[in-house]
Amino acid sequence: MALRYVLHRNGARLTEAEEARFARHFDGLEARLQHFPDPLVEATVREHPSQRRVELSLRVSLGPLGGHLVSHQAAETLDKATRLAVSDVERQLERRLAKLRGEPAFGEPSRREPRALRPHPPGHAEGTEEEA
């Protein structure tokens, strides 16, 4: 299904260009959420002009029976806060899907090496052939 998103402004004024950039950030997220039944993104924007920063709270519902992915980010601009929040949610989604696939340790390289790169068993000297 198509990704739906709801933007709560909380008094923040956004230009059309900012809204277009905001929506464009969700295009990559939409591709990752295409297998979920009814994904919904709720974004809440809070401006703090005295501190010159924008807070963005992003909540992604993965469907009626799915879980939620949440990110809270603050940055100097809405564009940067959105980019940080979307990348955080994508990372959470990767972790969730890795767990569903049964991967034992997400983000850590596997300790098991391919057969060609494994060291020879102890006691086996290179260059000598064992007679059977």
N, C-alpha and C. Protein backbone atom coordinates (compact mmCIF):
# COMPACT_ATOMS: atom_id res chain seq x y z
N MET A 1 0.83 -1.18 0.00
CA MET A 1 0.00 0.00 0.00
C MET A 1 0.87 1.24 0.00
N ALA A 2 0.28 2.33 -0.36
CA ALA A 2 1.01 3.60 -0.39
C ALA A 2 1.20 4.11 1.04
N LEU A 3 2.29 4.75 1.23
CA LEU A 3 2.61 5.32 2.53
C LEU A 3 1.78 6.58 2.75
N ARG A 4 1.11 6.63 3.89
CA ARG A 4 0.37 7.84 4.26
C ARG A 4 1.15 8.56 5.34
N TYR A 5 1.15 9.87 5.30
CA TYR A 5 1.78 10.59 6.40
C TYR A 5 0.93 11.79 6.81
N VAL A 6 1.02 12.06 8.10
CA VAL A 6 0.28 13.17 8.70
C VAL A 6 1.31 14.10 9.33
N LEU A 7 1.20 15.37 9.03
CA LEU A 7 2.13 16.36 9.55
C LEU A 7 1.41 17.26 10.54
N HIS A 8 1.86 17.24 11.79
CA HIS A 8 1.34 18.13 12.83
C HIS A 8 2.33 19.29 12.95
N ARG A 9 1.88 20.50 12.68
CA ARG A 9 2.80 21.63 12.63
C ARG A 9 3.03 22.29 14.00
N ASN A 10 2.06 22.27 14.88
CA ASN A 10 2.16 22.92 16.20
C ASN A 10 2.60 24.37 16.09
N GLY A 11 2.01 25.10 15.17
CA GLY A 11 2.29 26.52 15.01
C GLY A 11 3.50 26.83 14.15
N ALA A 12 4.21 25.80 13.70
CA ALA A 12 5.38 26.03 12.85
C ALA A 12 4.91 26.41 11.45
N ARG A 13 5.55 27.39 10.86
CA ARG A 13 5.21 27.82 9.50
C ARG A 13 6.19 27.17 8.52
N LEU A 14 5.64 26.44 7.56
CA LEU A 14 6.47 25.78 6.56
C LEU A 14 6.13 26.31 5.18
N THR A 15 7.14 26.55 4.38
CA THR A 15 6.90 26.99 3.01
C THR A 15 6.57 25.76 2.16
N GLU A 16 6.10 26.02 0.94
CA GLU A 16 5.79 24.91 0.03
C GLU A 16 7.04 24.11 -0.31
N ALA A 17 8.15 24.82 -0.45
CA ALA A 17 9.41 24.13 -0.77
C ALA A 17 9.84 23.22 0.38
N GLU A 18 9.67 23.68 1.62
CA GLU A 18 10.01 22.85 2.78
C GLU A 18 9.11 21.62 2.86
N GLU A 19 7.82 21.82 2.58
CA GLU A 19 6.90 20.68 2.59
C GLU A 19 7.24 19.69 1.49
N ALA A 20 7.66 20.17 0.33
CA ALA A 20 8.03 19.28 -0.77
C ALA A 20 9.29 18.48 -0.40
N ARG A 21 10.28 19.13 0.20
CA ARG A 21 11.49 18.42 0.64
C ARG A 21 11.14 17.42 1.73
N PHE A 22 10.24 17.82 2.62
CA PHE A 22 9.79 16.94 3.70
C PHE A 22 9.16 15.68 3.13
N ALA A 23 8.29 15.84 2.13
CA ALA A 23 7.64 14.68 1.50
C ALA A 23 8.64 13.83 0.73
N ARG A 24 9.65 14.45 0.13
CA ARG A 24 10.63 13.70 -0.65
C ARG A 24 11.47 12.78 0.22
N HIS A 25 11.68 13.16 1.48
CA HIS A 25 12.44 12.31 2.39
C HIS A 25 11.73 10.98 2.63
N PHE A 26 10.41 10.98 2.49
CA PHE A 26 9.66 9.77 2.76
C PHE A 26 9.59 8.83 1.56
N ASP A 27 10.07 9.24 0.40
CA ASP A 27 10.05 8.37 -0.77
C ASP A 27 10.89 7.12 -0.56
N GLY A 28 12.09 7.28 0.00
CA GLY A 28 12.94 6.13 0.28
C GLY A 28 12.35 5.24 1.35
N LEU A 29 11.73 5.86 2.34
CA LEU A 29 11.09 5.10 3.41
C LEU A 29 9.89 4.32 2.87
N GLU A 30 9.19 4.89 1.91
CA GLU A 30 8.03 4.22 1.32
C GLU A 30 8.43 2.92 0.64
N ALA A 31 9.58 2.92 -0.04
CA ALA A 31 10.05 1.70 -0.71
C ALA A 31 10.33 0.59 0.31
N ARG A 32 10.86 0.97 1.47
CA ARG A 32 11.16 -0.03 2.50
C ARG A 32 9.90 -0.55 3.20
N LEU A 33 8.84 0.24 3.20
CA LEU A 33 7.62 -0.14 3.91
C LEU A 33 6.56 -0.73 2.99
N GLN A 34 6.92 -1.07 1.77
CA GLN A 34 5.92 -1.53 0.80
C GLN A 34 5.30 -2.88 1.16
N HIS A 35 5.97 -3.69 1.98
CA HIS A 35 5.44 -5.01 2.33
C HIS A 35 4.58 -4.99 3.59
N PHE A 36 4.44 -3.85 4.21
CA PHE A 36 3.60 -3.74 5.39
C PHE A 36 2.20 -3.32 4.94
N PRO A 37 1.14 -3.80 5.62
CA PRO A 37 -0.22 -3.61 5.11
C PRO A 37 -0.71 -2.18 5.01
N ASP A 38 -0.51 -1.39 6.04
CA ASP A 38 -1.04 -0.02 6.02
C ASP A 38 -0.13 0.90 6.82
N PRO A 39 1.06 1.21 6.29
CA PRO A 39 1.98 2.05 7.06
C PRO A 39 1.50 3.49 7.15
N LEU A 40 1.71 4.07 8.31
CA LEU A 40 1.32 5.46 8.57
C LEU A 40 2.46 6.17 9.27
N VAL A 41 2.83 7.34 8.79
CA VAL A 41 3.87 8.15 9.40
C VAL A 41 3.23 9.39 9.99
N GLU A 42 3.46 9.61 11.28
CA GLU A 42 2.99 10.82 11.94
C GLU A 42 4.21 11.63 12.32
N ALA A 43 4.28 12.85 11.84
CA ALA A 43 5.41 13.73 12.13
C ALA A 43 4.90 14.97 12.86
N THR A 44 5.58 15.30 13.94
CA THR A 44 5.24 16.49 14.71
C THR A 44 6.43 17.43 14.70
N VAL A 45 6.20 18.66 14.24
CA VAL A 45 7.27 19.66 14.13
C VAL A 45 7.07 20.71 15.21
N ARG A 46 8.13 21.00 15.93
CA ARG A 46 8.12 22.08 16.93
C ARG A 46 9.29 23.00 16.64
N GLU A 47 9.00 24.27 16.51
CA GLU A 47 10.06 25.26 16.29
C GLU A 47 10.43 25.91 17.62
N HIS A 48 11.72 26.13 17.79
CA HIS A 48 12.23 26.87 18.94
C HIS A 48 13.09 28.01 18.39
N PRO A 49 12.45 29.15 18.04
CA PRO A 49 13.20 30.24 17.40
C PRO A 49 14.29 30.83 18.28
N SER A 50 14.06 30.87 19.59
CA SER A 50 15.08 31.46 20.46
C SER A 50 16.34 30.59 20.52
N GLN A 51 16.17 29.29 20.33
CA GLN A 51 17.32 28.38 20.34
C GLN A 51 17.81 28.05 18.93
N ARG A 52 17.12 28.58 17.93
CA ARG A 52 17.44 28.33 16.53
C ARG A 52 17.53 26.85 16.22
N ARG A 53 16.49 26.12 16.61
CA ARG A 53 16.45 24.71 16.28
C ARG A 53 15.02 24.26 16.04
N VAL A 54 14.90 23.14 15.36
CA VAL A 54 13.61 22.53 15.05
C VAL A 54 13.62 21.12 15.59
N GLU A 55 12.57 20.75 16.31
CA GLU A 55 12.44 19.39 16.81
C GLU A 55 11.44 18.65 15.92
N LEU A 56 11.78 17.42 15.60
CA LEU A 56 10.88 16.59 14.80
C LEU A 56 10.70 15.25 15.51
N SER A 57 9.46 14.92 15.77
CA SER A 57 9.12 13.61 16.34
C SER A 57 8.45 12.82 15.24
N LEU A 58 9.01 11.67 14.95
CA LEU A 58 8.51 10.84 13.86
C LEU A 58 8.05 9.51 14.44
N ARG A 59 6.82 9.14 14.14
CA ARG A 59 6.27 7.86 14.61
C ARG A 59 5.74 7.11 13.40
N VAL A 60 6.27 5.93 13.16
CA VAL A 60 5.86 5.12 12.02
C VAL A 60 5.10 3.91 12.55
N SER A 61 3.85 3.80 12.15
CA SER A 61 3.03 2.65 12.50
C SER A 61 3.11 1.67 11.33
N LEU A 62 3.50 0.44 11.61
CA LEU A 62 3.72 -0.55 10.55
C LEU A 62 2.45 -1.26 10.11
N GLY A 63 1.34 -0.88 10.64
CA GLY A 63 0.07 -1.49 10.25
C GLY A 63 -0.80 -1.67 11.47
N PRO A 64 -2.02 -2.20 11.28
CA PRO A 64 -2.93 -2.33 12.41
C PRO A 64 -2.40 -3.28 13.49
N LEU A 65 -1.70 -4.34 13.09
CA LEU A 65 -1.16 -5.29 14.07
C LEU A 65 0.35 -5.19 14.20
N GLY A 66 0.96 -4.30 13.44
CA GLY A 66 2.42 -4.16 13.48
C GLY A 66 2.86 -3.29 14.63
N GLY A 67 4.15 -3.14 14.73
CA GLY A 67 4.72 -2.32 15.79
C GLY A 67 4.85 -0.88 15.38
N HIS A 68 5.59 -0.14 16.18
CA HIS A 68 5.82 1.28 15.93
C HIS A 68 7.32 1.53 15.96
N LEU A 69 7.76 2.43 15.11
CA LEU A 69 9.13 2.89 15.11
C LEU A 69 9.08 4.38 15.44
N VAL A 70 9.89 4.82 16.39
CA VAL A 70 9.81 6.20 16.87
C VAL A 70 11.20 6.83 16.82
N SER A 71 11.24 8.10 16.41
CA SER A 71 12.49 8.85 16.41
C SER A 71 12.20 10.30 16.80
N HIS A 72 13.05 10.85 17.64
CA HIS A 72 12.98 12.25 18.05
C HIS A 72 14.32 12.88 17.69
N GLN A 73 14.30 13.87 16.83
CA GLN A 73 15.53 14.52 16.39
C GLN A 73 15.38 16.03 16.46
N ALA A 74 16.49 16.71 16.71
CA ALA A 74 16.51 18.17 16.72
C ALA A 74 17.69 18.63 15.89
N ALA A 75 17.49 19.66 15.09
CA ALA A 75 18.56 20.19 14.25
C ALA A 75 18.28 21.66 13.96
N GLU A 76 19.22 22.27 13.23
CA GLU A 76 19.09 23.69 12.90
C GLU A 76 17.97 23.94 11.90
N THR A 77 17.75 22.99 10.99
CA THR A 77 16.71 23.16 9.96
C THR A 77 15.79 21.95 9.96
N LEU A 78 14.62 22.13 9.40
CA LEU A 78 13.67 21.03 9.29
C LEU A 78 14.20 19.95 8.36
N ASP A 79 14.89 20.35 7.30
CA ASP A 79 15.44 19.40 6.35
C ASP A 79 16.43 18.45 7.03
N LYS A 80 17.31 18.99 7.83
CA LYS A 80 18.31 18.17 8.52
C LYS A 80 17.66 17.28 9.57
N ALA A 81 16.71 17.81 10.33
CA ALA A 81 16.02 17.02 11.34
C ALA A 81 15.25 15.88 10.69
N THR A 82 14.63 16.15 9.55
CA THR A 82 13.89 15.10 8.83
C THR A 82 14.83 14.02 8.34
N ARG A 83 15.96 14.43 7.77
CA ARG A 83 16.94 13.45 7.27
C ARG A 83 17.43 12.56 8.41
N LEU A 84 17.73 13.15 9.57
CA LEU A 84 18.20 12.38 10.72
C LEU A 84 17.12 11.42 11.22
N ALA A 85 15.89 11.89 11.31
CA ALA A 85 14.79 11.05 11.81
C ALA A 85 14.49 9.90 10.86
N VAL A 86 14.48 10.18 9.56
CA VAL A 86 14.19 9.12 8.59
C VAL A 86 15.30 8.07 8.59
N SER A 87 16.56 8.50 8.69
CA SER A 87 17.64 7.52 8.72
C SER A 87 17.59 6.69 10.01
N ASP A 88 17.18 7.30 11.12
CA ASP A 88 17.03 6.57 12.37
C ASP A 88 15.92 5.53 12.26
N VAL A 89 14.80 5.90 11.67
CA VAL A 89 13.69 4.96 11.50
C VAL A 89 14.08 3.83 10.53
N GLU A 90 14.83 4.15 9.47
CA GLU A 90 15.28 3.11 8.54
C GLU A 90 16.19 2.12 9.25
N ARG A 91 17.05 2.60 10.12
CA ARG A 91 17.94 1.72 10.88
C ARG A 91 17.13 0.82 11.81
N GLN A 92 16.12 1.38 12.48
CA GLN A 92 15.26 0.57 13.34
C GLN A 92 14.53 -0.50 12.54
N LEU A 93 14.09 -0.13 11.34
CA LEU A 93 13.39 -1.08 10.48
C LEU A 93 14.33 -2.20 10.04
N GLU A 94 15.57 -1.85 9.69
CA GLU A 94 16.55 -2.87 9.33
C GLU A 94 16.77 -3.84 10.48
N ARG A 95 16.89 -3.32 11.69
CA ARG A 95 17.08 -4.18 12.86
C ARG A 95 15.89 -5.10 13.07
N ARG A 96 14.69 -4.55 12.89
CA ARG A 96 13.48 -5.36 13.08
C ARG A 96 13.42 -6.49 12.05
N LEU A 97 13.71 -6.17 10.80
CA LEU A 97 13.66 -7.19 9.75
C LEU A 97 14.77 -8.22 9.92
N ALA A 98 15.94 -7.80 10.39
CA ALA A 98 17.03 -8.73 10.65
C ALA A 98 16.64 -9.70 11.76
N LYS A 99 15.96 -9.19 12.77
CA LYS A 99 15.50 -10.05 13.86
C LYS A 99 14.47 -11.05 13.37
N LEU A 100 13.57 -10.61 12.47
CA LEU A 100 12.57 -11.52 11.92
C LEU A 100 13.21 -12.59 11.04
N ARG A 101 14.31 -12.25 10.37
CA ARG A 101 15.02 -13.23 9.54
C ARG A 101 15.81 -14.20 10.39
N GLY A 102 16.02 -13.87 11.65
CA GLY A 102 16.76 -14.75 12.54
C GLY A 102 18.25 -14.52 12.54
N GLU A 103 18.70 -13.37 12.10
CA GLU A 103 20.12 -13.08 12.12
C GLU A 103 20.56 -12.93 13.57
N PRO A 104 21.62 -13.63 13.98
CA PRO A 104 21.98 -13.64 15.40
C PRO A 104 22.51 -12.33 15.95
N ALA A 105 23.29 -11.59 15.17
CA ALA A 105 23.88 -10.35 15.67
C ALA A 105 23.83 -9.31 14.58
N PHE A 106 22.89 -8.37 14.69
CA PHE A 106 22.76 -7.34 13.67
C PHE A 106 23.85 -6.32 13.84
N GLY A 107 24.48 -5.94 12.75
CA GLY A 107 25.46 -4.88 12.77
C GLY A 107 26.86 -5.33 13.14
N GLU A 108 27.03 -6.59 13.54
CA GLU A 108 28.35 -7.10 13.87
C GLU A 108 28.76 -8.08 12.78
N PRO A 109 30.00 -8.04 12.37
CA PRO A 109 30.42 -9.01 11.37
C PRO A 109 30.38 -10.42 11.95
N SER A 110 30.05 -11.35 11.12
CA SER A 110 29.96 -12.73 11.57
C SER A 110 31.34 -13.25 11.94
N ARG A 111 31.39 -14.04 12.98
CA ARG A 111 32.68 -14.61 13.39
C ARG A 111 33.01 -15.83 12.55
N ARG A 112 32.01 -16.36 11.89
CA ARG A 112 32.26 -17.55 11.07
C ARG A 112 32.75 -17.10 9.70
N GLU A 113 33.88 -17.60 9.30
CA GLU A 113 34.45 -17.24 8.01
C GLU A 113 34.05 -18.28 6.97
N PRO A 114 34.06 -17.90 5.71
CA PRO A 114 33.79 -18.89 4.67
C PRO A 114 34.83 -20.01 4.70
N ARG A 115 34.47 -21.17 4.20
CA ARG A 115 35.33 -22.35 4.28
C ARG A 115 36.71 -22.07 3.67
N ALA A 116 36.78 -21.30 2.59
CA ALA A 116 38.06 -21.04 1.93
C ALA A 116 38.98 -20.19 2.81
N LEU A 117 38.44 -19.40 3.71
CA LEU A 117 39.26 -18.52 4.53
C LEU A 117 39.55 -19.09 5.92
N ARG A 118 38.97 -20.24 6.26
CA ARG A 118 39.20 -20.82 7.58
C ARG A 118 40.63 -21.34 7.68
N PRO A 119 41.24 -21.23 8.86
CA PRO A 119 42.57 -21.80 9.02
C PRO A 119 42.49 -23.33 9.01
N HIS A 120 43.57 -23.94 8.64
CA HIS A 120 43.61 -25.41 8.62
C HIS A 120 43.48 -25.92 10.04
N PRO A 121 43.01 -27.15 10.20
CA PRO A 121 42.89 -27.69 11.55
C PRO A 121 44.27 -27.80 12.22
N PRO A 122 44.32 -27.68 13.54
CA PRO A 122 45.61 -27.76 14.21
C PRO A 122 46.26 -29.12 13.97
N GLY A 123 47.55 -29.14 13.84
CA GLY A 123 48.28 -30.39 13.61
C GLY A 123 48.43 -30.71 12.14
N HIS A 124 47.74 -29.98 11.28
CA HIS A 124 47.84 -30.21 9.85
C HIS A 124 48.86 -29.23 9.31
N ALA A 125 49.98 -29.72 8.89
CA ALA A 125 51.03 -28.86 8.38
C ALA A 125 50.86 -28.70 6.88
N GLU A 126 51.08 -27.50 6.41
CA GLU A 126 50.97 -27.26 4.99
C GLU A 126 52.15 -27.89 4.27
N GLY A 127 51.90 -28.40 3.08
CA GLY A 127 52.97 -28.97 2.26
C GLY A 127 53.18 -30.46 2.53
N THR A 128 52.62 -30.98 3.58
CA THR A 128 52.75 -32.42 3.84
C THR A 128 51.43 -33.08 3.53
N GLU A 129 51.53 -34.25 2.93
CA GLU A 129 50.32 -34.98 2.60
C GLU A 129 50.23 -36.20 3.50
N GLU A 130 49.06 -36.43 4.00
CA GLU A 130 48.86 -37.59 4.85
C GLU A 130 48.53 -38.78 3.97
N GLU A 131 49.09 -39.90 4.32
CA GLU A 131 48.81 -41.12 3.56
C GLU A 131 47.64 -41.82 4.18
N ALA A 132 46.76 -42.33 3.35
CA ALA A 132 45.59 -43.00 3.87
C ALA A 132 45.75 -44.48 3.86
